[in-house]
Amino acid sequence: MRLAIVAAQFNAEVTDRMVESALEQAKDRNVRVSTVVRVPGAFEIPLAVQALLRRDDVDAVVAIGAVIKGETLHDEAIMAAVCPALLELGLRESKPVGLGITGPGVTDEQAIERIRNAARAVDSVVAMYELMKGL
């Protein structure tokens, strides 16, 4: 299996550690990570995921980000746009997309506590990749 990772640079103190967690989990699962792409923020993740899913050398993509609660509802708006877009991309391209994005409504501390969500997203795409091969 050839996995790509797309990670937001925004909240890098969290997302950098999430990428490390995803890479470690991929290694533990004997999954080859073909590329890691960094985008400015969570809002930009779907466009990069779309480009990667269209490549013949990518079987699945994990999206990584930390959408942390601020003083406005911006975090909710971002996640309301990003999650359906990622779901649609996976359906359209018939390739698994793992949701390793925390939020909305999480604090800085909660985001740090959820760094392993990136590893869980790797597990999810591996499971779905295997399932899809058998269908």
C-alpha atoms as a PDB file:
ATOM      1  CA  MET A   1       0.000   0.000   0.000  1.00  0.00           C
ATOM      2  CA  ARG A   2       1.232   3.463  -0.920  1.00  0.00           C
ATOM      3  CA  LEU A   3       0.100   6.191   1.440  1.00  0.00           C
ATOM      4  CA  ALA A   4       0.292   9.963   1.120  1.00  0.00           C
ATOM      5  CA  ILE A   5      -0.084  12.380   4.018  1.00  0.00           C
ATOM      6  CA  VAL A   6      -1.399  15.928   3.744  1.00  0.00           C
ATOM      7  CA  ALA A   7      -0.841  18.045   6.838  1.00  0.00           C
ATOM      8  CA  ALA A   8      -1.688  21.610   7.747  1.00  0.00           C
ATOM      9  CA  GLN A   9       1.185  23.875   8.752  1.00  0.00           C
ATOM     10  CA  PHE A  10      -1.145  25.970  10.912  1.00  0.00           C
ATOM     11  CA  ASN A  11      -0.835  24.926  14.576  1.00  0.00           C
ATOM     12  CA  ALA A  12       2.472  23.281  13.663  1.00  0.00           C
ATOM     13  CA  GLU A  13       3.292  22.609  17.316  1.00  0.00           C
ATOM     14  CA  VAL A  14       0.504  20.021  17.138  1.00  0.00           C
ATOM     15  CA  THR A  15       0.453  19.004  13.476  1.00  0.00           C
ATOM     16  CA  ASP A  16       4.190  18.296  13.320  1.00  0.00           C
ATOM     17  CA  ARG A  17       3.762  15.791  16.131  1.00  0.00           C
ATOM     18  CA  MET A  18       0.690  14.363  14.399  1.00  0.00           C
ATOM     19  CA  VAL A  19       2.735  13.768  11.246  1.00  0.00           C
ATOM     20  CA  GLU A  20       5.393  12.007  13.332  1.00  0.00           C
ATOM     21  CA  SER A  21       2.689   9.821  14.882  1.00  0.00           C
ATOM     22  CA  ALA A  22       1.235   8.947  11.468  1.00  0.00           C
ATOM     23  CA  LEU A  23       4.666   8.127  10.027  1.00  0.00           C
ATOM     24  CA  GLU A  24       5.477   5.917  13.001  1.00  0.00           C
ATOM     25  CA  GLN A  25       2.160   4.084  12.675  1.00  0.00           C
ATOM     26  CA  ALA A  26       2.678   3.598   8.937  1.00  0.00           C
ATOM     27  CA  LYS A  27       6.113   2.139   9.606  1.00  0.00           C
ATOM     28  CA  ASP A  28       4.689  -0.188  12.261  1.00  0.00           C
ATOM     29  CA  ARG A  29       2.029  -1.336   9.779  1.00  0.00           C
ATOM     30  CA  ASN A  30       4.593  -1.831   6.954  1.00  0.00           C
ATOM     31  CA  VAL A  31       2.894   0.866   4.890  1.00  0.00           C
ATOM     32  CA  ARG A  32       5.054   2.868   2.499  1.00  0.00           C
ATOM     33  CA  VAL A  33       4.537   6.621   2.768  1.00  0.00           C
ATOM     34  CA  SER A  34       5.184   7.932  -0.714  1.00  0.00           C
ATOM     35  CA  THR A  35       4.901  11.618   0.131  1.00  0.00           C
ATOM     36  CA  VAL A  36       4.148  14.109   2.878  1.00  0.00           C
ATOM     37  CA  VAL A  37       2.660  17.377   1.656  1.00  0.00           C
ATOM     38  CA  ARG A  38       2.363  20.431   3.890  1.00  0.00           C
ATOM     39  CA  VAL A  39      -0.376  22.971   3.153  1.00  0.00           C
ATOM     40  CA  PRO A  40      -1.010  26.320   4.881  1.00  0.00           C
ATOM     41  CA  GLY A  41      -4.074  25.268   6.881  1.00  0.00           C
ATOM     42  CA  ALA A  42      -6.892  22.752   7.170  1.00  0.00           C
ATOM     43  CA  PHE A  43      -8.971  24.594   4.579  1.00  0.00           C
ATOM     44  CA  GLU A  44      -6.330  23.829   1.939  1.00  0.00           C
ATOM     45  CA  ILE A  45      -6.120  20.113   2.698  1.00  0.00           C
ATOM     46  CA  PRO A  46      -8.866  18.911   0.294  1.00  0.00           C
ATOM     47  CA  LEU A  47      -7.227  20.401  -2.822  1.00  0.00           C
ATOM     48  CA  ALA A  48      -3.936  18.646  -2.102  1.00  0.00           C
ATOM     49  CA  VAL A  49      -5.779  15.419  -1.231  1.00  0.00           C
ATOM     50  CA  GLN A  50      -7.604  15.597  -4.570  1.00  0.00           C
ATOM     51  CA  ALA A  51      -4.352  15.923  -6.507  1.00  0.00           C
ATOM     52  CA  LEU A  52      -2.776  13.010  -4.631  1.00  0.00           C
ATOM     53  CA  LEU A  53      -5.781  10.708  -4.997  1.00  0.00           C
ATOM     54  CA  ARG A  54      -5.583  11.148  -8.773  1.00  0.00           C
ATOM     55  CA  ARG A  55      -2.030   9.812  -8.842  1.00  0.00           C
ATOM     56  CA  ASP A  56      -1.460   6.180  -9.784  1.00  0.00           C
ATOM     57  CA  ASP A  57       1.260   5.833  -7.131  1.00  0.00           C
ATOM     58  CA  VAL A  58      -1.081   6.744  -4.237  1.00  0.00           C
ATOM     59  CA  ASP A  59      -3.553   4.216  -2.824  1.00  0.00           C
ATOM     60  CA  ALA A  60      -4.837   6.290   0.108  1.00  0.00           C
ATOM     61  CA  VAL A  61      -4.363   9.645   1.814  1.00  0.00           C
ATOM     62  CA  VAL A  62      -4.403  10.723   5.449  1.00  0.00           C
ATOM     63  CA  ALA A  63      -5.426  14.325   6.174  1.00  0.00           C
ATOM     64  CA  ILE A  64      -3.836  15.838   9.278  1.00  0.00           C
ATOM     65  CA  GLY A  65      -4.717  19.083  11.004  1.00  0.00           C
ATOM     66  CA  ALA A  66      -5.633  20.717  14.294  1.00  0.00           C
ATOM     67  CA  VAL A  67      -8.576  23.104  14.097  1.00  0.00           C
ATOM     68  CA  ILE A  68      -8.454  24.742  17.512  1.00  0.00           C
ATOM     69  CA  LYS A  69     -11.241  26.818  19.021  1.00  0.00           C
ATOM     70  CA  GLY A  70     -10.658  30.556  18.975  1.00  0.00           C
ATOM     71  CA  GLU A  71     -12.825  33.537  19.868  1.00  0.00           C
ATOM     72  CA  THR A  72     -15.167  33.050  16.903  1.00  0.00           C
ATOM     73  CA  LEU A  73     -16.911  30.155  15.150  1.00  0.00           C
ATOM     74  CA  HIS A  74     -14.168  29.996  12.510  1.00  0.00           C
ATOM     75  CA  ASP A  75     -13.143  26.491  13.622  1.00  0.00           C
ATOM     76  CA  GLU A  76     -16.673  25.218  13.061  1.00  0.00           C
ATOM     77  CA  ALA A  77     -16.874  26.817   9.624  1.00  0.00           C
ATOM     78  CA  ILE A  78     -13.557  25.280   8.572  1.00  0.00           C
ATOM     79  CA  MET A  79     -14.529  21.777   9.668  1.00  0.00           C
ATOM     80  CA  ALA A  80     -17.998  22.118   8.126  1.00  0.00           C
ATOM     81  CA  ALA A  81     -16.280  22.696   4.779  1.00  0.00           C
ATOM     82  CA  VAL A  82     -13.306  20.336   5.021  1.00  0.00           C
ATOM     83  CA  CYS A  83     -14.934  17.132   6.284  1.00  0.00           C
ATOM     84  CA  PRO A  84     -17.602  16.814   3.568  1.00  0.00           C
ATOM     85  CA  ALA A  85     -15.016  17.704   0.922  1.00  0.00           C
ATOM     86  CA  LEU A  86     -12.708  14.913   2.081  1.00  0.00           C
ATOM     87  CA  LEU A  87     -15.564  12.419   2.175  1.00  0.00           C
ATOM     88  CA  GLU A  88     -16.612  13.388  -1.355  1.00  0.00           C
ATOM     89  CA  LEU A  89     -13.054  13.049  -2.658  1.00  0.00           C
ATOM     90  CA  GLY A  90     -12.682   9.543  -1.296  1.00  0.00           C
ATOM     91  CA  LEU A  91     -16.006   8.515  -2.796  1.00  0.00           C
ATOM     92  CA  ARG A  92     -15.277  10.110  -6.164  1.00  0.00           C
ATOM     93  CA  GLU A  93     -11.802   8.586  -6.506  1.00  0.00           C
ATOM     94  CA  SER A  94     -12.716   5.250  -4.804  1.00  0.00           C
ATOM     95  CA  LYS A  95      -9.690   5.532  -2.553  1.00  0.00           C
ATOM     96  CA  PRO A  96      -9.624   5.767   1.259  1.00  0.00           C
ATOM     97  CA  VAL A  97      -9.150   9.142   2.918  1.00  0.00           C
ATOM     98  CA  GLY A  98      -8.299   9.142   6.620  1.00  0.00           C
ATOM     99  CA  LEU A  99      -9.573  11.951   8.805  1.00  0.00           C
ATOM    100  CA  GLY A 100      -6.732  12.851  11.143  1.00  0.00           C
ATOM    101  CA  ILE A 101      -8.006  16.349  11.824  1.00  0.00           C
ATOM    102  CA  THR A 102      -8.954  17.316  15.358  1.00  0.00           C
ATOM    103  CA  GLY A 103     -11.668  19.865  15.976  1.00  0.00           C
ATOM    104  CA  PRO A 104     -13.765  21.845  15.968  1.00  0.00           C
ATOM    105  CA  GLY A 105     -14.100  23.099  19.498  1.00  0.00           C
ATOM    106  CA  VAL A 106     -10.860  21.682  20.890  1.00  0.00           C
ATOM    107  CA  THR A 107      -8.490  23.644  23.086  1.00  0.00           C
ATOM    108  CA  ASP A 108      -4.721  23.640  22.643  1.00  0.00           C
ATOM    109  CA  GLU A 109      -4.447  21.077  25.433  1.00  0.00           C
ATOM    110  CA  GLN A 110      -7.127  18.834  23.936  1.00  0.00           C
ATOM    111  CA  ALA A 111      -5.430  18.983  20.537  1.00  0.00           C
ATOM    112  CA  ILE A 112      -2.163  17.817  22.106  1.00  0.00           C
ATOM    113  CA  GLU A 113      -4.005  14.989  23.874  1.00  0.00           C
ATOM    114  CA  ARG A 114      -5.379  13.879  20.494  1.00  0.00           C
ATOM    115  CA  ILE A 115      -2.110  13.731  18.550  1.00  0.00           C
ATOM    116  CA  ARG A 116      -2.551   9.954  18.195  1.00  0.00           C
ATOM    117  CA  ASN A 117      -5.668  10.585  16.084  1.00  0.00           C
ATOM    118  CA  ALA A 118      -3.252  10.787  13.166  1.00  0.00           C
ATOM    119  CA  ALA A 119      -2.106   7.216  13.847  1.00  0.00           C
ATOM    120  CA  ARG A 120      -5.726   6.108  14.055  1.00  0.00           C
ATOM    121  CA  ALA A 121      -6.348   7.697  10.654  1.00  0.00           C
ATOM    122  CA  VAL A 122      -3.519   5.571   9.243  1.00  0.00           C
ATOM    123  CA  ASP A 123      -5.146   2.473  10.742  1.00  0.00           C
ATOM    124  CA  SER A 124      -8.475   3.461   9.187  1.00  0.00           C
ATOM    125  CA  VAL A 125      -7.136   3.870   5.662  1.00  0.00           C
ATOM    126  CA  VAL A 126      -5.191   0.619   5.894  1.00  0.00           C
ATOM    127  CA  ALA A 127      -8.365  -1.184   6.973  1.00  0.00           C
ATOM    128  CA  MET A 128     -10.419   0.419   4.222  1.00  0.00           C
ATOM    129  CA  TYR A 129      -7.763  -0.247   1.590  1.00  0.00           C
ATOM    130  CA  GLU A 130      -7.778  -3.933   2.501  1.00  0.00           C
ATOM    131  CA  LEU A 131     -11.574  -4.008   2.551  1.00  0.00           C
ATOM    132  CA  MET A 132     -11.850  -2.296  -0.842  1.00  0.00           C
ATOM    133  CA  LYS A 133      -9.402  -4.768  -2.410  1.00  0.00           C
ATOM    134  CA  GLY A 134     -11.808  -7.560  -1.495  1.00  0.00           C
ATOM    135  CA  LEU A 135     -14.984  -5.943  -2.808  1.00  0.00           C
END
